[in-house]
Amino acid sequence: MQYFYNVSFCFRTATKLAIGVGAVYVTLDQGVWSTSKQSSKALHKVRNDVLPTASNYLEKVKGPWCIDAYAQYSSCVFHWGMGLIKELN
């Protein structure tokens, strides 16, 4: 039993390490940590390539189970503000 625990622990640690190293590698490869010109190119690429694709995907899978996060945030901020006004008056 101890053997399986050690193998599982090593596998989990190696997986987490691989994800971290992969994330650092991709950001270095895209120029995020380079000059500001290269960083702005990387940001432009993410804005134009990744974000629209993600938005399109979310529109396709949107259903009644999806929650409008902005509406909930606005409602929370409004109620928080009204509570503060009542307390201060």
Protein backbone atom coordinates (compact mmCIF):
# COMPACT_ATOMS: atom_id res chain seq x y z
CA MET A 1 0.00 0.00 0.00
CA GLN A 2 2.86 2.37 0.82
CA TYR A 3 4.30 1.71 -2.66
CA PHE A 4 1.14 2.94 -4.38
CA TYR A 5 1.06 6.04 -2.21
CA ASN A 6 4.65 6.89 -3.17
CA VAL A 7 3.96 6.34 -6.87
CA SER A 8 0.81 8.44 -6.68
CA PHE A 9 2.64 11.22 -4.84
CA CYS A 10 5.47 11.21 -7.39
CA PHE A 11 3.00 11.26 -10.30
CA ARG A 12 1.01 14.17 -8.83
CA THR A 13 4.18 16.13 -8.12
CA ALA A 14 5.57 15.48 -11.60
CA THR A 15 2.27 16.52 -13.20
CA LYS A 16 2.13 19.80 -11.26
CA LEU A 17 5.77 20.50 -12.08
CA ALA A 18 5.19 19.79 -15.78
CA ILE A 19 2.20 22.15 -15.88
CA GLY A 20 4.20 24.91 -14.20
CA VAL A 21 7.23 24.48 -16.44
CA GLY A 22 4.98 24.34 -19.51
CA ALA A 23 3.25 27.59 -18.53
CA VAL A 24 6.60 29.33 -18.02
CA TYR A 25 7.89 27.97 -21.33
CA VAL A 26 4.85 29.18 -23.28
CA THR A 27 5.02 32.66 -21.77
CA LEU A 28 8.76 32.88 -22.52
CA ASP A 29 8.20 31.61 -26.06
CA GLN A 30 5.45 34.18 -26.69
CA GLY A 31 7.64 37.02 -25.42
CA VAL A 32 5.65 37.93 -22.33
CA TRP A 33 8.82 38.37 -20.26
CA SER A 34 10.77 40.19 -23.00
CA THR A 35 10.72 43.81 -24.08
CA SER A 36 7.55 45.85 -23.87
CA LYS A 37 7.17 45.69 -27.66
CA GLN A 38 7.17 41.88 -27.64
CA SER A 39 4.88 41.82 -24.60
CA SER A 40 2.36 44.06 -26.32
CA LYS A 41 2.47 41.80 -29.40
CA ALA A 42 1.72 38.81 -27.17
CA LEU A 43 -1.18 40.66 -25.54
CA HIS A 44 -2.51 41.65 -28.96
CA LYS A 45 -2.32 38.01 -30.07
CA VAL A 46 -4.24 36.82 -27.01
CA ARG A 47 -6.90 39.51 -27.45
CA ASN A 48 -7.40 38.75 -31.13
CA ASP A 49 -6.99 34.96 -31.19
CA VAL A 50 -7.89 33.48 -27.83
CA LEU A 51 -10.56 35.75 -26.36
CA PRO A 52 -12.91 35.87 -29.39
CA THR A 53 -12.71 32.10 -29.72
CA ALA A 54 -13.54 31.67 -26.05
CA SER A 55 -16.43 34.13 -26.37
CA ASN A 56 -17.79 32.27 -29.39
CA TYR A 57 -17.57 28.97 -27.54
CA LEU A 58 -19.35 30.36 -24.48
CA GLU A 59 -22.13 31.75 -26.69
CA LYS A 60 -22.62 28.30 -28.23
CA VAL A 61 -22.85 26.48 -24.90
CA LYS A 62 -24.84 29.19 -23.14
CA GLY A 63 -28.02 27.85 -21.66
CA PRO A 64 -30.41 28.48 -18.82
CA TRP A 65 -27.88 27.09 -16.36
CA CYS A 66 -25.41 29.89 -17.18
CA ILE A 67 -25.33 32.82 -14.80
CA ASP A 68 -24.79 36.38 -15.94
CA ALA A 69 -21.80 37.18 -13.74
CA TYR A 70 -21.81 40.89 -14.49
CA ALA A 71 -25.47 41.24 -13.47
CA GLN A 72 -24.79 39.40 -10.23
CA TYR A 73 -21.72 41.55 -9.57
CA SER A 74 -23.69 44.74 -10.23
CA SER A 75 -26.47 43.58 -7.95
CA CYS A 76 -24.01 42.77 -5.16
CA VAL A 77 -22.29 46.13 -5.50
CA PHE A 78 -25.65 47.93 -5.47
CA HIS A 79 -26.86 46.12 -2.34
CA TRP A 80 -23.49 46.63 -0.64
CA GLY A 81 -23.67 50.34 -1.37
CA MET A 82 -27.26 50.60 -0.12
CA GLY A 83 -26.29 48.84 3.11
CA LEU A 84 -23.45 51.31 3.64
CA ILE A 85 -25.74 54.27 2.99
CA LYS A 86 -28.29 52.98 5.52
CA GLU A 87 -25.59 52.39 8.13
CA LEU A 88 -24.02 55.82 7.66
CA ASN A 89 -27.34 57.67 7.85
